[in-house]
């Protein structure tokens, strides 16, 4: 389903309601009404008749449906076109709608662009462990909706929407109907990158936080050892091989859960 192909916002919303009800059951119009602050009868009147949502209600609806910035821009323009009362106003929004459709057509219809995430966007991506977590979780079918991600990570829908919007804008993630999938942009940090430290810190902070709820399935080890200088690199090599083996196992493994590996081996200074 391509949001940017629609010319009638009511048809767009009704189609999305139908898709959502197939996933989570009936009652979407009631949920929408409660979220945007109106009676169910008004929502039904708009989606089935001649009435229209106000722009304030449209903003709430766009947030409820999880639209990113580009989709909101298009959606609001579509509503204003449908609400336009004069021919000149209709022509204005028709032109704007056409420009938006042309702008987004390459992303939504064309072959996805491949490349590496630019430096400035890497700074944002590695500013929090949440971005990496969301990007990993959308490889698992049951976590491919914004609601499932919010529940899994114990975060608000608003926070998840911001993350998903950033990932989509940078082609790290793709949206199809109500589901999110991994995109085509690559993230690579060279070993001497200044962001490596931030990346390590993000996940160690998350690890420390999760220590409050110890799970018997987890494996954690902390210890201090005394060894000879010649054996120090031998242990490093053994740990490196263990990591390589873990990655080898993970490669073809089915995407059913997400695990974190944090490993430190260093001399006491």
Protein backbone atom coordinates (compact mmCIF):
# COMPACT_ATOMS: atom_id res chain seq x y z
CA UNK A 1 0.00 0.00 0.00
CA UNK A 2 1.44 3.34 -1.09
CA UNK A 3 0.11 6.38 0.80
CA UNK A 4 1.34 8.73 -1.93
CA UNK A 5 -0.90 7.19 -4.60
CA UNK A 6 -4.15 8.31 -2.96
CA UNK A 7 -6.30 11.24 -4.04
CA UNK A 8 -8.99 10.85 -1.35
CA UNK A 9 -7.92 10.91 2.29
CA UNK A 10 -11.11 9.13 3.39
CA UNK A 11 -10.35 6.17 1.15
CA UNK A 12 -6.79 6.13 2.51
CA UNK A 13 -7.98 6.07 6.13
CA UNK A 14 -10.67 3.46 5.44
CA UNK A 15 -8.13 1.20 3.73
CA UNK A 16 -5.74 1.55 6.67
CA UNK A 17 -8.57 0.79 9.11
CA UNK A 18 -9.35 -2.38 7.17
CA UNK A 19 -5.69 -3.46 7.32
CA UNK A 20 -5.39 -2.69 11.04
CA UNK A 21 -8.57 -4.63 11.84
CA UNK A 22 -7.18 -7.68 10.10
CA UNK A 23 -4.20 -7.48 12.47
CA UNK A 24 -5.75 -6.38 15.77
CA UNK A 25 -9.51 -6.92 15.36
CA UNK A 26 -12.48 -4.57 15.13
CA UNK A 27 -13.06 -1.29 16.92
CA UNK A 28 -10.60 0.92 15.02
CA UNK A 29 -13.06 3.79 14.54
CA UNK A 30 -13.69 3.90 18.28
CA UNK A 31 -9.95 3.91 19.00
CA UNK A 32 -9.40 6.69 16.45
CA UNK A 33 -12.24 8.76 17.94
CA UNK A 34 -10.83 8.44 21.45
CA UNK A 35 -7.34 9.34 20.26
CA UNK A 36 -8.32 12.47 18.31
CA UNK A 37 -10.97 13.56 20.82
CA UNK A 38 -14.31 13.27 19.04
CA UNK A 39 -17.46 11.14 19.01
CA UNK A 40 -17.51 7.88 17.06
CA UNK A 41 -20.52 9.23 15.17
CA UNK A 42 -18.39 12.13 13.89
CA UNK A 43 -15.61 9.81 12.72
CA UNK A 44 -18.21 7.64 10.95
CA UNK A 45 -19.84 10.72 9.40
CA UNK A 46 -16.48 11.90 8.04
CA UNK A 47 -15.32 8.56 6.68
CA UNK A 48 -18.69 7.65 5.20
CA UNK A 49 -20.19 11.01 4.25
CA UNK A 50 -19.56 14.63 3.31
CA UNK A 51 -18.10 15.91 6.60
CA UNK A 52 -14.37 16.49 7.08
CA UNK A 53 -11.85 16.25 9.90
CA UNK A 54 -10.40 19.50 11.18
CA UNK A 55 -6.65 19.91 10.74
CA UNK A 56 -6.22 19.39 14.48
CA UNK A 57 -8.10 16.09 14.24
CA UNK A 58 -6.10 15.19 11.15
CA UNK A 59 -2.89 15.76 13.09
CA UNK A 60 -4.08 13.37 15.80
CA UNK A 61 -5.14 10.83 13.19
CA UNK A 62 -1.76 11.00 11.46
CA UNK A 63 -0.02 10.34 14.80
CA UNK A 64 -2.38 7.46 15.55
CA UNK A 65 -1.67 5.89 12.16
CA UNK A 66 2.09 6.31 12.67
CA UNK A 67 2.73 8.52 9.63
CA UNK A 68 6.27 9.82 9.26
CA UNK A 69 7.00 13.45 8.35
CA UNK A 70 6.66 12.93 4.59
CA UNK A 71 3.42 11.01 4.95
CA UNK A 72 2.01 13.71 7.24
CA UNK A 73 2.91 16.40 4.71
CA UNK A 74 1.09 14.48 1.98
CA UNK A 75 -1.87 13.58 4.23
CA UNK A 76 -2.49 17.17 5.35
CA UNK A 77 -2.30 18.39 1.76
CA UNK A 78 -4.77 15.69 0.72
CA UNK A 79 -7.23 16.81 3.40
CA UNK A 80 -6.93 20.45 2.40
CA UNK A 81 -7.54 19.50 -1.23
CA UNK A 82 -10.67 17.56 -0.26
CA UNK A 83 -11.85 20.46 1.92
CA UNK A 84 -11.17 23.20 -0.65
CA UNK A 85 -14.30 25.20 -1.42
CA UNK A 86 -13.18 27.16 -4.50
CA UNK A 87 -11.67 26.13 -7.82
CA UNK A 88 -8.58 28.29 -7.33
CA UNK A 89 -7.93 26.70 -3.92
CA UNK A 90 -8.43 23.23 -5.40
CA UNK A 91 -5.96 24.04 -8.17
CA UNK A 92 -3.41 25.23 -5.59
CA UNK A 93 -3.56 22.01 -3.57
CA UNK A 94 -3.76 19.87 -6.72
CA UNK A 95 -0.43 21.34 -7.81
CA UNK A 96 1.11 20.89 -4.36
CA UNK A 97 -0.14 17.29 -4.23
CA UNK A 98 1.34 16.55 -7.64
CA UNK A 99 4.69 18.02 -6.55
CA UNK A 100 4.71 15.87 -3.41
CA UNK A 101 3.82 12.74 -5.39
CA UNK A 102 6.66 13.43 -7.81
CA UNK A 103 9.05 14.09 -4.92
CA UNK A 104 8.27 10.81 -3.17
CA UNK A 105 7.73 8.59 -6.20
CA UNK A 106 11.43 7.59 -6.45
CA UNK A 107 11.45 6.40 -2.86
CA UNK A 108 8.11 4.59 -2.88
CA UNK A 109 8.07 3.13 -6.40
CA UNK A 110 11.62 3.07 -7.67
CA UNK A 111 14.48 0.81 -6.78
CA UNK A 112 15.73 1.54 -3.26
CA UNK A 113 18.90 3.55 -3.16
CA UNK A 114 21.87 1.80 -1.59
CA UNK A 115 24.76 3.42 0.20
CA UNK A 116 26.26 4.13 3.57
CA UNK A 117 24.79 6.36 6.25
CA UNK A 118 26.37 9.86 6.11
CA UNK A 119 28.54 11.01 8.99
CA UNK A 120 26.04 13.51 10.42
CA UNK A 121 23.28 10.88 10.51
CA UNK A 122 25.67 8.39 12.14
CA UNK A 123 26.06 10.86 15.01
CA UNK A 124 22.30 10.76 15.54
CA UNK A 125 22.01 6.99 15.09
CA UNK A 126 24.68 6.22 17.68
CA UNK A 127 23.36 8.77 20.17
CA UNK A 128 21.17 6.07 21.75
CA UNK A 129 20.94 2.29 21.94
CA UNK A 130 17.24 2.57 21.03
CA UNK A 131 18.00 3.22 17.35
CA UNK A 132 20.08 0.05 17.06
CA UNK A 133 17.50 -1.93 19.02
CA UNK A 134 14.61 -0.89 16.77
CA UNK A 135 16.65 -1.61 13.64
CA UNK A 136 17.40 -5.11 14.95
CA UNK A 137 13.88 -5.85 16.19
CA UNK A 138 12.14 -5.09 12.88
CA UNK A 139 13.84 -8.18 11.47
CA UNK A 140 11.49 -10.18 13.71
CA UNK A 141 7.93 -10.40 12.35
CA UNK A 142 6.14 -9.94 15.68
CA UNK A 143 8.00 -6.67 16.29
CA UNK A 144 7.37 -5.06 12.89
CA UNK A 145 4.61 -2.72 14.08
CA UNK A 146 5.12 0.47 16.07
CA UNK A 147 2.84 -0.78 18.85
CA UNK A 148 4.81 -4.02 19.25
CA UNK A 149 8.11 -2.09 19.33
CA UNK A 150 6.80 0.33 21.95
CA UNK A 151 5.62 -2.53 24.17
CA UNK A 152 8.83 -4.54 23.75
CA UNK A 153 11.12 -1.62 24.59
CA UNK A 154 8.76 -0.09 27.17
CA UNK A 155 8.76 3.23 25.31
CA UNK A 156 6.02 5.63 24.23
CA UNK A 157 4.60 5.49 20.72
CA UNK A 158 5.84 9.05 20.21
CA UNK A 159 9.42 7.96 20.94
CA UNK A 160 9.14 4.96 18.63
CA UNK A 161 7.62 7.11 15.87
CA UNK A 162 10.59 9.50 16.02
CA UNK A 163 13.02 6.60 15.72
CA UNK A 164 11.12 5.01 12.83
CA UNK A 165 10.84 8.35 11.04
CA UNK A 166 14.62 8.84 11.27
CA UNK A 167 15.29 5.29 10.05
CA UNK A 168 12.90 5.69 7.10
CA UNK A 169 14.28 9.08 6.08
CA UNK A 170 17.76 7.58 5.95
CA UNK A 171 16.65 4.37 4.16
CA UNK A 172 17.65 2.23 7.11
CA UNK A 173 14.05 1.08 7.32
CA UNK A 174 11.12 0.65 4.93
CA UNK A 175 7.40 0.83 5.68
CA UNK A 176 4.81 -1.38 3.99
CA UNK A 177 1.25 -0.82 5.19
CA UNK A 178 1.59 -1.00 8.99
CA UNK A 179 4.81 -3.01 9.09
CA UNK A 180 8.44 -1.92 9.08
CA UNK A 181 11.33 -3.75 7.43
CA UNK A 182 15.09 -3.28 7.21
CA UNK A 183 16.20 -0.87 4.48
CA UNK A 184 19.19 -0.78 2.14
CA UNK A 185 21.48 1.79 3.74
CA UNK A 186 24.57 0.39 5.42
CA UNK A 187 26.03 1.37 8.78
CA UNK A 188 29.74 0.84 9.16
CA UNK A 189 32.05 2.19 11.82
CA UNK A 190 35.79 1.91 11.16
CA UNK A 191 37.80 0.75 14.18
CA UNK A 192 39.22 4.25 14.68
CA UNK A 193 35.86 6.06 14.51
CA UNK A 194 35.11 8.49 17.33
CA UNK A 195 31.63 6.95 17.53
CA UNK A 196 32.96 3.53 18.55
CA UNK A 197 33.24 4.69 22.17
CA UNK A 198 29.65 5.94 22.11
CA UNK A 199 28.46 2.64 20.59
CA UNK A 200 30.19 0.63 23.34
CA UNK A 201 28.88 2.96 26.04
CA UNK A 202 25.27 2.76 24.79
CA UNK A 203 25.07 -0.99 25.18
CA UNK A 204 27.00 -1.17 28.42
CA UNK A 205 24.60 1.33 29.97
CA UNK A 206 21.72 -0.82 28.74
CA UNK A 207 23.44 -3.90 30.17
CA UNK A 208 23.86 -2.21 33.57
CA UNK A 209 20.20 -1.21 33.55
CA UNK A 210 19.10 -4.77 32.80
CA UNK A 211 21.15 -6.14 35.72
CA UNK A 212 18.24 -5.06 37.92
CA UNK A 213 16.22 -7.97 36.49
CA UNK A 214 18.49 -11.03 36.22
CA UNK A 215 17.26 -13.64 33.74
CA UNK A 216 18.44 -17.23 34.06
CA UNK A 217 18.81 -17.43 30.27
CA UNK A 218 21.39 -14.62 30.26
CA UNK A 219 25.12 -15.14 30.57
CA UNK A 220 27.17 -12.57 32.46
CA UNK A 221 30.72 -12.76 33.74
CA UNK A 222 32.99 -10.25 35.44
CA UNK A 223 36.35 -11.13 36.88
CA UNK A 224 39.97 -10.09 37.44
CA UNK A 225 42.79 -12.48 36.52
CA UNK A 226 46.56 -12.38 36.76
CA UNK A 227 48.45 -13.82 33.78
CA UNK A 228 51.82 -13.66 32.05
CA UNK A 229 52.53 -11.10 29.35
CA UNK A 230 52.89 -13.84 26.73
CA UNK A 231 49.46 -15.33 27.58
CA UNK A 232 47.62 -11.99 27.41
CA UNK A 233 47.32 -12.07 23.57
CA UNK A 234 46.39 -15.77 23.68
CA UNK A 235 43.26 -15.03 25.70
CA UNK A 236 42.44 -12.12 23.41
CA UNK A 237 42.67 -14.48 20.41
CA UNK A 238 40.47 -17.07 22.16
CA UNK A 239 37.81 -14.44 22.87
CA UNK A 240 38.02 -13.14 19.30
CA UNK A 241 37.44 -16.65 17.97
CA UNK A 242 34.45 -17.07 20.28
CA UNK A 243 32.91 -13.85 18.93
CA UNK A 244 33.60 -14.93 15.36
CA UNK A 245 31.91 -18.28 16.05
CA UNK A 246 28.88 -16.54 17.58
CA UNK A 247 28.54 -14.32 14.50
CA UNK A 248 28.90 -17.38 12.27
CA UNK A 249 26.03 -19.09 14.13
CA UNK A 250 23.88 -15.93 14.05
CA UNK A 251 24.27 -15.42 10.29
CA UNK A 252 21.90 -18.15 9.02
CA UNK A 253 19.86 -18.32 12.24
CA UNK A 254 16.12 -17.56 12.09
CA UNK A 255 15.09 -14.10 13.35
CA UNK A 256 13.15 -14.99 16.51
CA UNK A 257 14.77 -12.97 19.29
CA UNK A 258 17.37 -10.24 19.76
CA UNK A 259 20.50 -10.72 21.88
CA UNK A 260 23.23 -8.32 22.94
CA UNK A 261 26.93 -9.15 23.19
CA UNK A 262 29.15 -6.84 25.24
CA UNK A 263 32.70 -8.07 25.76
CA UNK A 264 35.57 -6.26 27.46
CA UNK A 265 39.10 -7.60 27.89
CA UNK A 266 41.74 -5.11 28.99
CA UNK A 267 44.74 -4.66 31.21
CA UNK A 268 44.25 -2.93 34.55
CA UNK A 269 45.94 0.45 34.29
